[in-house]
PDB file of N, CA and C in Angstrom:
ATOM      1  N   MET A   1       0.723  -1.129   0.011  1.00  0.00           N
ATOM      2  CA  MET A   1      -0.009   0.226   0.142  1.00  0.00           C
ATOM      3  C   MET A   1       0.966   1.275  -0.106  1.00  0.00           C
ATOM      4  N   GLU A   2       0.337   2.201  -0.531  1.00  0.00           N
ATOM      5  CA  GLU A   2       1.220   3.401  -0.887  1.00  0.00           C
ATOM      6  C   GLU A   2       0.811   4.346   0.179  1.00  0.00           C
ATOM      7  N   ILE A   3       1.627   5.130   0.535  1.00  0.00           N
ATOM      8  CA  ILE A   3       1.664   5.851   1.438  1.00  0.00           C
ATOM      9  C   ILE A   3       1.261   7.420   1.262  1.00  0.00           C
ATOM     10  N   VAL A   4       0.125   7.773   0.548  1.00  0.00           N
ATOM     11  CA  VAL A   4       0.344   9.144   0.373  1.00  0.00           C
ATOM     12  C   VAL A   4       0.317  10.736   1.460  1.00  0.00           C
ATOM     13  N   ARG A   5       1.706  11.537   1.544  1.00  0.00           N
ATOM     14  CA  ARG A   5       1.866  12.554   2.023  1.00  0.00           C
ATOM     15  C   ARG A   5       1.198  13.608   1.682  1.00  0.00           C
ATOM     16  N   SER A   6       1.138  14.929   1.750  1.00  0.00           N
ATOM     17  CA  SER A   6       0.228  16.088   1.437  1.00  0.00           C
ATOM     18  C   SER A   6       0.768  17.080   2.004  1.00  0.00           C
ATOM     19  N   ASN A   7       0.598  18.604   1.757  1.00  0.00           N
ATOM     20  CA  ASN A   7       0.903  19.646   2.482  1.00  0.00           C
ATOM     21  C   ASN A   7       2.032  19.399   3.035  1.00  0.00           C
ATOM     22  N   SER A   8       3.274  19.335   2.844  1.00  0.00           N
ATOM     23  CA  SER A   8       4.558  18.639   4.048  1.00  0.00           C
ATOM     24  C   SER A   8       4.913  19.666   4.020  1.00  0.00           C
ATOM     25  N   ASN A   9       5.757  20.292   4.593  1.00  0.00           N
ATOM     26  CA  ASN A   9       7.107  20.750   4.853  1.00  0.00           C
ATOM     27  C   ASN A   9       8.344  20.230   5.305  1.00  0.00           C
ATOM     28  N   ALA A  10       9.393  20.693   5.693  1.00  0.00           N
ATOM     29  CA  ALA A  10      10.384  20.523   6.709  1.00  0.00           C
ATOM     30  C   ALA A  10      10.485  18.778   8.077  1.00  0.00           C
ATOM     31  N   ARG A  11       9.043  19.388   8.443  1.00  0.00           N
ATOM     32  CA  ARG A  11       8.781  18.998   9.585  1.00  0.00           C
ATOM     33  C   ARG A  11       7.639  17.948   9.626  1.00  0.00           C
ATOM     34  N   MET A  12       6.530  18.433   8.873  1.00  0.00           N
ATOM     35  CA  MET A  12       5.199  17.685   8.622  1.00  0.00           C
ATOM     36  C   MET A  12       4.412  17.380   7.493  1.00  0.00           C
ATOM     37  N   SER A  13       3.960  16.793   7.488  1.00  0.00           N
ATOM     38  CA  SER A  13       3.051  16.969   6.697  1.00  0.00           C
ATOM     39  C   SER A  13       1.434  17.154   7.328  1.00  0.00           C
ATOM     40  N   GLN A  14       0.513  17.660   6.510  1.00  0.00           N
ATOM     41  CA  GLN A  14      -0.803  18.494   6.873  1.00  0.00           C
ATOM     42  C   GLN A  14      -1.874  17.150   6.972  1.00  0.00           C
ATOM     43  N   MET A  15      -1.374  16.268   5.797  1.00  0.00           N
ATOM     44  CA  MET A  15      -2.297  15.109   5.683  1.00  0.00           C
ATOM     45  C   MET A  15      -1.174  13.954   5.146  1.00  0.00           C
ATOM     46  N   VAL A  16      -1.781  12.767   5.620  1.00  0.00           N
ATOM     47  CA  VAL A  16      -1.659  11.167   5.131  1.00  0.00           C
ATOM     48  C   VAL A  16      -2.097  10.148   4.918  1.00  0.00           C
ATOM     49  N   VAL A  17      -2.427   9.904   3.883  1.00  0.00           N
ATOM     50  CA  VAL A  17      -3.556   8.933   3.693  1.00  0.00           C
ATOM     51  C   VAL A  17      -2.841   7.415   3.262  1.00  0.00           C
ATOM     52  N   TYR A  18      -3.490   6.473   4.376  1.00  0.00           N
ATOM     53  CA  TYR A  18      -2.664   4.910   3.953  1.00  0.00           C
ATOM     54  C   TYR A  18      -3.828   4.127   4.341  1.00  0.00           C
ATOM     55  N   ASN A  19      -3.948   3.332   3.511  1.00  0.00           N
ATOM     56  CA  ASN A  19      -4.637   2.332   3.440  1.00  0.00           C
ATOM     57  C   ASN A  19      -6.184   2.440   3.810  1.00  0.00           C
ATOM     58  N   GLY A  20      -7.280   3.421   2.581  1.00  0.00           N
ATOM     59  CA  GLY A  20      -8.265   3.972   2.716  1.00  0.00           C
ATOM     60  C   GLY A  20      -8.766   4.884   4.501  1.00  0.00           C
ATOM     61  N   VAL A  21      -7.239   5.449   4.922  1.00  0.00           N
ATOM     62  CA  VAL A  21      -7.613   6.446   6.122  1.00  0.00           C
ATOM     63  C   VAL A  21      -6.574   7.674   5.971  1.00  0.00           C
ATOM     64  N   VAL A  22      -7.251   8.551   6.628  1.00  0.00           N
ATOM     65  CA  VAL A  22      -7.140  10.044   5.985  1.00  0.00           C
ATOM     66  C   VAL A  22      -6.828  10.475   7.626  1.00  0.00           C
ATOM     67  N   TYR A  23      -4.942  10.374   7.697  1.00  0.00           N
ATOM     68  CA  TYR A  23      -5.093  11.302   9.279  1.00  0.00           C
ATOM     69  C   TYR A  23      -4.529  12.874   8.871  1.00  0.00           C
ATOM     70  N   LEU A  24      -5.536  13.634   9.488  1.00  0.00           N
ATOM     71  CA  LEU A  24      -4.851  14.841   9.903  1.00  0.00           C
ATOM     72  C   LEU A  24      -4.579  15.579  10.884  1.00  0.00           C
ATOM     73  N   ALA A  25      -3.016  16.504  10.437  1.00  0.00           N
ATOM     74  CA  ALA A  25      -2.256  17.102  11.658  1.00  0.00           C
ATOM     75  C   ALA A  25      -3.634  17.795  12.850  1.00  0.00           C
ATOM     76  N   GLY A  26      -2.683  18.195  13.561  1.00  0.00           N
ATOM     77  CA  GLY A  26      -3.798  19.498  14.599  1.00  0.00           C
ATOM     78  C   GLY A  26      -3.915  20.352  13.452  1.00  0.00           C
ATOM     79  N   GLN A  27      -4.867  20.655  13.502  1.00  0.00           N
ATOM     80  CA  GLN A  27      -5.614  21.824  12.517  1.00  0.00           C
ATOM     81  C   GLN A  27      -5.958  23.391  13.537  1.00  0.00           C
ATOM     82  N   VAL A  28      -5.324  24.087  13.426  1.00  0.00           N
ATOM     83  CA  VAL A  28      -5.653  25.548  13.815  1.00  0.00           C
ATOM     84  C   VAL A  28      -6.227  26.484  13.023  1.00  0.00           C
ATOM     85  N   ASP A  29      -6.749  27.604  13.581  1.00  0.00           N
ATOM     86  CA  ASP A  29      -7.367  28.420  12.815  1.00  0.00           C
ATOM     87  C   ASP A  29      -6.108  29.253  12.542  1.00  0.00           C
ATOM     88  N   GLU A  30      -5.508  29.473  10.881  1.00  0.00           N
ATOM     89  CA  GLU A  30      -4.557  29.821   9.845  1.00  0.00           C
ATOM     90  C   GLU A  30      -4.466  30.990  10.116  1.00  0.00           C
ATOM     91  N   THR A  31      -5.902  32.032  10.240  1.00  0.00           N
ATOM     92  CA  THR A  31      -6.191  33.476  10.508  1.00  0.00           C
ATOM     93  C   THR A  31      -6.292  33.764  11.017  1.00  0.00           C
ATOM     94  N   SER A  32      -5.809  33.142  12.662  1.00  0.00           N
ATOM     95  CA  SER A  32      -6.301  33.440  14.442  1.00  0.00           C
ATOM     96  C   SER A  32      -5.894  34.482  14.247  1.00  0.00           C
ATOM     97  N   GLN A  33      -5.878  35.570  15.060  1.00  0.00           N
ATOM     98  CA  GLN A  33      -5.397  36.755  15.843  1.00  0.00           C
ATOM     99  C   GLN A  33      -6.058  36.752  17.438  1.00  0.00           C
ATOM    100  N   ILE A  34      -4.867  37.225  18.043  1.00  0.00           N
ATOM    101  CA  ILE A  34      -4.624  36.925  19.687  1.00  0.00           C
ATOM    102  C   ILE A  34      -6.787  37.930  19.719  1.00  0.00           C
ATOM    103  N   GLY A  35      -7.217  37.534  20.953  1.00  0.00           N
ATOM    104  CA  GLY A  35      -8.497  37.606  20.684  1.00  0.00           C
ATOM    105  C   GLY A  35      -9.695  37.494  19.361  1.00  0.00           C
ATOM    106  N   ARG A  36      -9.889  36.569  18.970  1.00  0.00           N
ATOM    107  CA  ARG A  36     -10.499  35.960  17.830  1.00  0.00           C
ATOM    108  C   ARG A  36     -11.555  34.850  18.794  1.00  0.00           C
ATOM    109  N   SER A  37     -12.063  35.220  18.831  1.00  0.00           N
ATOM    110  CA  SER A  37     -13.454  34.032  19.623  1.00  0.00           C
ATOM    111  C   SER A  37     -13.528  32.403  19.365  1.00  0.00           C
ATOM    112  N   VAL A  38     -13.824  31.504  20.450  1.00  0.00           N
ATOM    113  CA  VAL A  38     -13.118  30.366  20.002  1.00  0.00           C
ATOM    114  C   VAL A  38     -14.271  29.672  19.718  1.00  0.00           C
ATOM    115  N   LEU A  39     -15.622  30.262  18.913  1.00  0.00           N
ATOM    116  CA  LEU A  39     -16.914  29.928  18.447  1.00  0.00           C
ATOM    117  C   LEU A  39     -15.636  30.073  16.927  1.00  0.00           C
ATOM    118  N   GLU A  40     -15.646  31.440  16.839  1.00  0.00           N
ATOM    119  CA  GLU A  40     -15.112  31.223  15.328  1.00  0.00           C
ATOM    120  C   GLU A  40     -13.662  30.875  14.911  1.00  0.00           C
ATOM    121  N   GLN A  41     -12.891  30.516  15.749  1.00  0.00           N
ATOM    122  CA  GLN A  41     -11.435  29.741  15.510  1.00  0.00           C
ATOM    123  C   GLN A  41     -12.196  28.335  15.050  1.00  0.00           C
ATOM    124  N   THR A  42     -13.209  27.987  16.330  1.00  0.00           N
ATOM    125  CA  THR A  42     -13.644  26.366  15.668  1.00  0.00           C
ATOM    126  C   THR A  42     -13.779  26.497  13.588  1.00  0.00           C
ATOM    127  N   ARG A  43     -15.365  27.472  13.205  1.00  0.00           N
ATOM    128  CA  ARG A  43     -15.144  27.946  12.516  1.00  0.00           C
ATOM    129  C   ARG A  43     -14.502  27.430  11.164  1.00  0.00           C
ATOM    130  N   ASN A  44     -13.590  28.338  11.552  1.00  0.00           N
ATOM    131  CA  ASN A  44     -12.859  28.360  10.688  1.00  0.00           C
ATOM    132  C   ASN A  44     -11.443  27.577  10.438  1.00  0.00           C
ATOM    133  N   VAL A  45     -11.541  26.050  11.965  1.00  0.00           N
ATOM    134  CA  VAL A  45     -10.640  25.107  11.715  1.00  0.00           C
ATOM    135  C   VAL A  45     -11.593  24.303  11.017  1.00  0.00           C
ATOM    136  N   LEU A  46     -12.759  24.225  11.219  1.00  0.00           N
ATOM    137  CA  LEU A  46     -13.738  22.738  10.410  1.00  0.00           C
ATOM    138  C   LEU A  46     -13.933  22.861   9.147  1.00  0.00           C
ATOM    139  N   ALA A  47     -13.993  24.640   8.356  1.00  0.00           N
ATOM    140  CA  ALA A  47     -13.311  24.318   7.215  1.00  0.00           C
ATOM    141  C   ALA A  47     -12.085  24.316   7.140  1.00  0.00           C
ATOM    142  N   GLN A  48     -10.898  24.536   6.894  1.00  0.00           N
ATOM    143  CA  GLN A  48      -9.558  23.684   6.652  1.00  0.00           C
ATOM    144  C   GLN A  48      -9.506  22.474   6.504  1.00  0.00           C
ATOM    145  N   ILE A  49     -10.197  21.921   7.670  1.00  0.00           N
ATOM    146  CA  ILE A  49     -10.462  20.325   8.058  1.00  0.00           C
ATOM    147  C   ILE A  49     -11.775  19.759   6.331  1.00  0.00           C
ATOM    148  N   ASP A  50     -13.036  20.544   6.152  1.00  0.00           N
ATOM    149  CA  ASP A  50     -13.450  20.035   4.886  1.00  0.00           C
ATOM    150  C   ASP A  50     -12.416  20.675   3.667  1.00  0.00           C
ATOM    151  N   GLY A  51     -12.018  21.236   3.565  1.00  0.00           N
ATOM    152  CA  GLY A  51     -10.981  21.007   2.596  1.00  0.00           C
ATOM    153  C   GLY A  51      -9.940  19.923   2.599  1.00  0.00           C
ATOM    154  N   TYR A  52      -9.068  20.112   3.797  1.00  0.00           N
ATOM    155  CA  TYR A  52      -8.270  18.662   3.384  1.00  0.00           C
ATOM    156  C   TYR A  52      -8.846  17.731   3.067  1.00  0.00           C
ATOM    157  N   LEU A  53     -10.437  17.088   3.516  1.00  0.00           N
ATOM    158  CA  LEU A  53     -10.706  15.762   3.660  1.00  0.00           C
ATOM    159  C   LEU A  53     -11.307  15.885   1.876  1.00  0.00           C
ATOM    160  N   ALA A  54     -11.783  17.295   1.459  1.00  0.00           N
ATOM    161  CA  ALA A  54     -12.157  17.100  -0.245  1.00  0.00           C
ATOM    162  C   ALA A  54     -10.937  16.559  -0.965  1.00  0.00           C
ATOM    163  N   GLN A  55      -9.984  17.184  -0.502  1.00  0.00           N
ATOM    164  CA  GLN A  55      -8.288  17.341  -0.828  1.00  0.00           C
ATOM    165  C   GLN A  55      -8.043  15.099  -1.361  1.00  0.00           C
ATOM    166  N   ALA A  56      -8.784  14.656  -0.025  1.00  0.00           N
ATOM    167  CA  ALA A  56      -8.293  13.397   0.052  1.00  0.00           C
ATOM    168  C   ALA A  56      -9.008  12.528  -0.512  1.00  0.00           C
ATOM    169  N   GLY A  57     -10.648  13.181  -0.930  1.00  0.00           N
ATOM    170  CA  GLY A  57     -11.995  12.152  -1.739  1.00  0.00           C
ATOM    171  C   GLY A  57     -12.325  11.528  -0.727  1.00  0.00           C
ATOM    172  N   THR A  58     -12.933  13.008   0.264  1.00  0.00           N
ATOM    173  CA  THR A  58     -13.979  12.274   1.368  1.00  0.00           C
ATOM    174  C   THR A  58     -14.578  13.324   1.825  1.00  0.00           C
ATOM    175  N   ASP A  59     -15.355  12.796   3.446  1.00  0.00           N
ATOM    176  CA  ASP A  59     -15.994  14.265   3.426  1.00  0.00           C
ATOM    177  C   ASP A  59     -16.177  14.407   4.950  1.00  0.00           C
ATOM    178  N   LYS A  60     -17.107  15.051   5.744  1.00  0.00           N
ATOM    179  CA  LYS A  60     -17.323  14.677   7.244  1.00  0.00           C
ATOM    180  C   LYS A  60     -18.241  13.250   7.459  1.00  0.00           C
ATOM    181  N   THR A  61     -18.675  12.935   6.559  1.00  0.00           N
ATOM    182  CA  THR A  61     -19.398  12.066   7.091  1.00  0.00           C
ATOM    183  C   THR A  61     -18.827  10.582   7.179  1.00  0.00           C
ATOM    184  N   ARG A  62     -17.505  10.579   6.695  1.00  0.00           N
ATOM    185  CA  ARG A  62     -16.815   9.324   7.273  1.00  0.00           C
ATOM    186  C   ARG A  62     -15.204   9.593   8.001  1.00  0.00           C
ATOM    187  N   LEU A  63     -15.908  10.822   9.004  1.00  0.00           N
ATOM    188  CA  LEU A  63     -15.175  10.486  10.167  1.00  0.00           C
ATOM    189  C   LEU A  63     -15.269   9.532  11.458  1.00  0.00           C
ATOM    190  N   LEU A  64     -14.277   9.208  12.164  1.00  0.00           N
ATOM    191  CA  LEU A  64     -13.516   8.234  12.820  1.00  0.00           C
ATOM    192  C   LEU A  64     -13.710   8.199  13.794  1.00  0.00           C
ATOM    193  N   THR A  65     -12.891   9.972  13.893  1.00  0.00           N
ATOM    194  CA  THR A  65     -12.472   9.834  15.160  1.00  0.00           C
ATOM    195  C   THR A  65     -11.641  11.831  15.261  1.00  0.00           C
ATOM    196  N   ALA A  66     -12.157  12.104  16.714  1.00  0.00           N
ATOM    197  CA  ALA A  66     -11.330  13.686  16.266  1.00  0.00           C
ATOM    198  C   ALA A  66     -11.026  14.210  18.160  1.00  0.00           C
ATOM    199  N   THR A  67     -10.422  14.377  17.769  1.00  0.00           N
ATOM    200  CA  THR A  67      -9.606  14.676  19.304  1.00  0.00           C
ATOM    201  C   THR A  67      -9.491  16.511  19.001  1.00  0.00           C
ATOM    202  N   ILE A  68     -10.010  17.245  20.054  1.00  0.00           N
ATOM    203  CA  ILE A  68     -10.356  18.728  20.428  1.00  0.00           C
ATOM    204  C   ILE A  68      -9.561  19.046  21.830  1.00  0.00           C
ATOM    205  N   TYR A  69      -8.618  20.347  21.043  1.00  0.00           N
ATOM    206  CA  TYR A  69      -7.386  20.774  22.165  1.00  0.00           C
ATOM    207  C   TYR A  69      -8.684  22.249  22.014  1.00  0.00           C
ATOM    208  N   LEU A  70      -8.427  23.074  23.370  1.00  0.00           N
ATOM    209  CA  LEU A  70      -8.963  23.765  23.566  1.00  0.00           C
ATOM    210  C   LEU A  70      -8.103  24.607  25.226  1.00  0.00           C
ATOM    211  N   SER A  71      -7.454  25.803  24.856  1.00  0.00           N
ATOM    212  CA  SER A  71      -6.928  26.373  25.431  1.00  0.00           C
ATOM    213  C   SER A  71      -7.097  26.593  27.086  1.00  0.00           C
ATOM    214  N   ASP A  72      -8.597  26.480  26.827  1.00  0.00           N
ATOM    215  CA  ASP A  72      -9.296  27.268  28.134  1.00  0.00           C
ATOM    216  C   ASP A  72     -10.640  26.208  28.096  1.00  0.00           C
ATOM    217  N   MET A  73     -10.474  25.439  28.954  1.00  0.00           N
ATOM    218  CA  MET A  73     -12.218  24.395  29.249  1.00  0.00           C
ATOM    219  C   MET A  73     -13.797  25.754  29.055  1.00  0.00           C
ATOM    220  N   SER A  74     -13.750  26.291  29.574  1.00  0.00           N
ATOM    221  CA  SER A  74     -14.580  27.611  29.703  1.00  0.00           C
ATOM    222  C   SER A  74     -15.219  27.766  28.749  1.00  0.00           C
ATOM    223  N   GLN A  75     -14.601  27.647  27.823  1.00  0.00           N
ATOM    224  CA  GLN A  75     -15.034  27.985  25.854  1.00  0.00           C
ATOM    225  C   GLN A  75     -15.506  26.336  25.561  1.00  0.00           C
ATOM    226  N   PHE A  76     -15.762  25.379  26.261  1.00  0.00           N
ATOM    227  CA  PHE A  76     -16.427  24.273  26.042  1.00  0.00           C
ATOM    228  C   PHE A  76     -17.610  24.796  24.498  1.00  0.00           C
ATOM    229  N   ALA A  77     -18.286  25.084  25.582  1.00  0.00           N
ATOM    230  CA  ALA A  77     -19.871  25.304  25.215  1.00  0.00           C
ATOM    231  C   ALA A  77     -19.761  26.386  23.722  1.00  0.00           C
ATOM    232  N   GLN A  78     -18.337  27.258  23.435  1.00  0.00           N
ATOM    233  CA  GLN A  78     -18.861  27.706  22.570  1.00  0.00           C
ATOM    234  C   GLN A  78     -18.315  26.972  20.864  1.00  0.00           C
ATOM    235  N   MET A  79     -16.836  25.793  21.515  1.00  0.00           N
ATOM    236  CA  MET A  79     -16.754  25.503  20.336  1.00  0.00           C
ATOM    237  C   MET A  79     -17.584  23.984  19.990  1.00  0.00           C
ATOM    238  N   ASN A  80     -18.392  23.380  21.158  1.00  0.00           N
ATOM    239  CA  ASN A  80     -19.459  22.853  20.908  1.00  0.00           C
ATOM    240  C   ASN A  80     -20.460  23.741  19.421  1.00  0.00           C
ATOM    241  N   GLN A  81     -20.768  24.916  19.693  1.00  0.00           N
ATOM    242  CA  GLN A  81     -21.466  25.454  19.379  1.00  0.00           C
ATOM    243  C   GLN A  81     -21.541  25.333  17.590  1.00  0.00           C
ATOM    244  N   ALA A  82     -20.060  25.667  17.728  1.00  0.00           N
ATOM    245  CA  ALA A  82     -19.678  25.605  16.301  1.00  0.00           C
ATOM    246  C   ALA A  82     -19.525  24.061  15.731  1.00  0.00           C
ATOM    247  N   TRP A  83     -19.125  22.815  16.275  1.00  0.00           N
ATOM    248  CA  TRP A  83     -18.919  21.946  16.259  1.00  0.00           C
ATOM    249  C   TRP A  83     -20.258  21.354  15.743  1.00  0.00           C
ATOM    250  N   ASP A  84     -21.225  21.406  16.632  1.00  0.00           N
ATOM    251  CA  ASP A  84     -23.156  20.849  16.562  1.00  0.00           C
ATOM    252  C   ASP A  84     -23.130  21.435  15.315  1.00  0.00           C
ATOM    253  N   ALA A  85     -23.237  22.293  14.455  1.00  0.00           N
ATOM    254  CA  ALA A  85     -23.522  23.033  13.572  1.00  0.00           C
ATOM    255  C   ALA A  85     -22.606  22.413  12.485  1.00  0.00           C
ATOM    256  N   TRP A  86     -21.369  21.909  12.573  1.00  0.00           N
ATOM    257  CA  TRP A  86     -20.295  21.294  11.425  1.00  0.00           C
ATOM    258  C   TRP A  86     -20.815  19.663  11.440  1.00  0.00           C
ATOM    259  N   VAL A  87     -21.040  19.426  12.589  1.00  0.00           N
ATOM    260  CA  VAL A  87     -20.940  17.433  12.433  1.00  0.00           C
ATOM    261  C   VAL A  87     -21.733  17.022  12.145  1.00  0.00           C
ATOM    262  N   SER A  88     -21.917  16.186  10.933  1.00  0.00           N
ATOM    263  CA  SER A  88     -22.991  14.990  10.679  1.00  0.00           C
ATOM    264  C   SER A  88     -23.380  14.186  11.063  1.00  0.00           C
ATOM    265  N   PRO A  89     -25.245  14.319  10.902  1.00  0.00           N
ATOM    266  CA  PRO A  89     -25.705  13.146  12.132  1.00  0.00           C
ATOM    267  C   PRO A  89     -25.280  11.863  11.801  1.00  0.00           C
ATOM    268  N   GLN A  90     -24.992  11.525  10.330  1.00  0.00           N
ATOM    269  CA  GLN A  90     -25.070  10.408   9.766  1.00  0.00           C
ATOM    270  C   GLN A  90     -23.410   9.681  10.163  1.00  0.00           C
ATOM    271  N   GLY A  91     -22.329  10.687  10.664  1.00  0.00           N
ATOM    272  CA  GLY A  91     -20.733  10.218  10.345  1.00  0.00           C
ATOM    273  C   GLY A  91     -20.627  10.972  12.023  1.00  0.00           C
ATOM    274  N   LEU A  92     -20.958  11.164  13.026  1.00  0.00           N
ATOM    275  CA  LEU A  92     -20.458  11.282  13.734  1.00  0.00           C
ATOM    276  C   LEU A  92     -19.531  10.260  14.805  1.00  0.00           C
ATOM    277  N   PRO A  93     -18.671  11.318  15.101  1.00  0.00           N
ATOM    278  CA  PRO A  93     -16.801  10.063  14.675  1.00  0.00           C
ATOM    279  C   PRO A  93     -17.334   9.598  16.664  1.00  0.00           C
ATOM    280  N   THR A  94     -16.387   9.517  16.931  1.00  0.00           N
ATOM    281  CA  THR A  94     -15.540   9.195  18.676  1.00  0.00           C
ATOM    282  C   THR A  94     -15.016  10.465  18.799  1.00  0.00           C
ATOM    283  N   ARG A  95     -14.835  10.812  20.213  1.00  0.00           N
ATOM    284  CA  ARG A  95     -14.337  12.344  20.226  1.00  0.00           C
ATOM    285  C   ARG A  95     -13.574  12.277  21.426  1.00  0.00           C
ATOM    286  N   ALA A  96     -12.430  12.864  21.674  1.00  0.00           N
ATOM    287  CA  ALA A  96     -12.480  13.754  23.079  1.00  0.00           C
ATOM    288  C   ALA A  96     -11.917  15.185  22.794  1.00  0.00           C
ATOM    289  N   THR A  97     -12.339  15.682  24.398  1.00  0.00           N
ATOM    290  CA  THR A  97     -11.860  16.977  24.597  1.00  0.00           C
ATOM    291  C   THR A  97     -11.174  17.937  25.438  1.00  0.00           C
ATOM    292  N   VAL A  98      -9.761  17.722  25.357  1.00  0.00           N
ATOM    293  CA  VAL A  98      -9.428  18.535  26.256  1.00  0.00           C
ATOM    294  C   VAL A  98      -8.791  19.660  26.647  1.00  0.00           C
ATOM    295  N   GLN A  99      -8.166  20.218  27.698  1.00  0.00           N
ATOM    296  CA  GLN A  99      -7.609  21.202  27.692  1.00  0.00           C
ATOM    297  C   GLN A  99      -6.344  21.441  27.686  1.00  0.00           C
ATOM    298  N   ALA A 100      -5.509  22.341  26.617  1.00  0.00           N
ATOM    299  CA  ALA A 100      -3.708  22.219  26.560  1.00  0.00           C
ATOM    300  C   ALA A 100      -3.860  23.456  26.387  1.00  0.00           C
ATOM    301  N   LYS A 101      -2.154  23.934  26.667  1.00  0.00           N
ATOM    302  CA  LYS A 101      -1.967  24.605  26.340  1.00  0.00           C
ATOM    303  C   LYS A 101      -1.607  24.578  25.032  1.00  0.00           C
ATOM    304  N   LEU A 102      -1.846  25.179  24.047  1.00  0.00           N
ATOM    305  CA  LEU A 102      -1.429  25.543  22.338  1.00  0.00           C
ATOM    306  C   LEU A 102      -0.060  26.111  22.139  1.00  0.00           C
ATOM    307  N   ALA A 103       0.186  26.206  20.640  1.00  0.00           N
ATOM    308  CA  ALA A 103       1.699  27.100  20.424  1.00  0.00           C
ATOM    309  C   ALA A 103       1.894  27.817  20.314  1.00  0.00           C
ATOM    310  N   GLY A 104       0.750  28.753  20.447  1.00  0.00           N
ATOM    311  CA  GLY A 104       0.591  29.995  20.336  1.00  0.00           C
ATOM    312  C   GLY A 104      -0.227  31.030  20.836  1.00  0.00           C
ATOM    313  N   ALA A 105      -0.158  32.020  21.160  1.00  0.00           N
ATOM    314  CA  ALA A 105      -1.130  32.616  22.347  1.00  0.00           C
ATOM    315  C   ALA A 105      -2.314  33.052  21.742  1.00  0.00           C
ATOM    316  N   GLU A 106      -2.500  32.919  20.405  1.00  0.00           N
ATOM    317  CA  GLU A 106      -3.202  33.351  19.346  1.00  0.00           C
ATOM    318  C   GLU A 106      -4.341  32.404  19.298  1.00  0.00           C
ATOM    319  N   PHE A 107      -3.927  31.088  19.744  1.00  0.00           N
ATOM    320  CA  PHE A 107      -4.641  29.849  19.497  1.00  0.00           C
ATOM    321  C   PHE A 107      -5.291  29.171  20.378  1.00  0.00           C
ATOM    322  N   ASP A 108      -6.870  28.867  20.549  1.00  0.00           N
ATOM    323  CA  ASP A 108      -7.505  28.660  21.601  1.00  0.00           C
ATOM    324  C   ASP A 108      -8.321  27.337  21.299  1.00  0.00           C
ATOM    325  N   VAL A 109      -8.055  26.811  20.164  1.00  0.00           N
ATOM    326  CA  VAL A 109      -9.050  25.317  19.855  1.00  0.00           C
ATOM    327  C   VAL A 109      -8.030  24.761  18.433  1.00  0.00           C
ATOM    328  N   GLU A 110      -7.777  23.821  18.535  1.00  0.00           N
ATOM    329  CA  GLU A 110      -7.583  22.726  17.836  1.00  0.00           C
ATOM    330  C   GLU A 110      -7.953  21.046  17.356  1.00  0.00           C
ATOM    331  N   ILE A 111      -7.716  20.936  15.999  1.00  0.00           N
ATOM    332  CA  ILE A 111      -8.625  20.087  16.264  1.00  0.00           C
ATOM    333  C   ILE A 111      -7.933  18.954  15.294  1.00  0.00           C
ATOM    334  N   VAL A 112      -8.055  17.807  15.662  1.00  0.00           N
ATOM    335  CA  VAL A 112      -7.343  16.769  14.863  1.00  0.00           C
ATOM    336  C   VAL A 112      -8.368  15.460  14.482  1.00  0.00           C
ATOM    337  N   VAL A 113      -8.526  15.476  12.953  1.00  0.00           N
ATOM    338  CA  VAL A 113      -9.263  14.154  13.415  1.00  0.00           C
ATOM    339  C   VAL A 113      -8.801  12.921  11.757  1.00  0.00           C
ATOM    340  N   THR A 114      -9.217  11.704  12.207  1.00  0.00           N
ATOM    341  CA  THR A 114      -8.938  10.640  10.947  1.00  0.00           C
ATOM    342  C   THR A 114     -10.256  10.352  10.427  1.00  0.00           C
ATOM    343  N   ALA A 115     -10.262  10.220   9.422  1.00  0.00           N
ATOM    344  CA  ALA A 115     -11.785   9.563   8.319  1.00  0.00           C
ATOM    345  C   ALA A 115     -11.392   8.878   7.428  1.00  0.00           C
ATOM    346  N   ALA A 116     -12.263   8.335   6.678  1.00  0.00           N
ATOM    347  CA  ALA A 116     -11.761   6.430   6.400  1.00  0.00           C
ATOM    348  C   ALA A 116     -11.901   7.505   4.654  1.00  0.00           C
ATOM    349  N   VAL A 117     -11.828   6.812   4.109  1.00  0.00           N
ATOM    350  CA  VAL A 117     -11.326   8.096   2.214  1.00  0.00           C
ATOM    351  C   VAL A 117     -12.446   6.993   1.897  1.00  0.00           C
TER     352      VAL A 117
END
């Protein structure tokens, strides 16, 4: 089986497809600025995920699992508002949400997903 890596740099790939499964790296809002709401950041991250899944020939109805990292768990409801509007009832993945210090002060949410192709 071929391993297909895309959107790579010297450190990592944003997406790897192997054996009918697409693995995305942790996605943060690439347009994020300090002070942007978790709701808006989550919407932007989910749009980025849609783009990568489409690039791999799949979509959110084929999600297998998701891990969501929040810089502050008090923002759980805002993140869920965006998530609930986005996720497909026919493709509900397993999911974990944890609080974590993210890579930069401008990031309040990071999402990792795996999906079937």
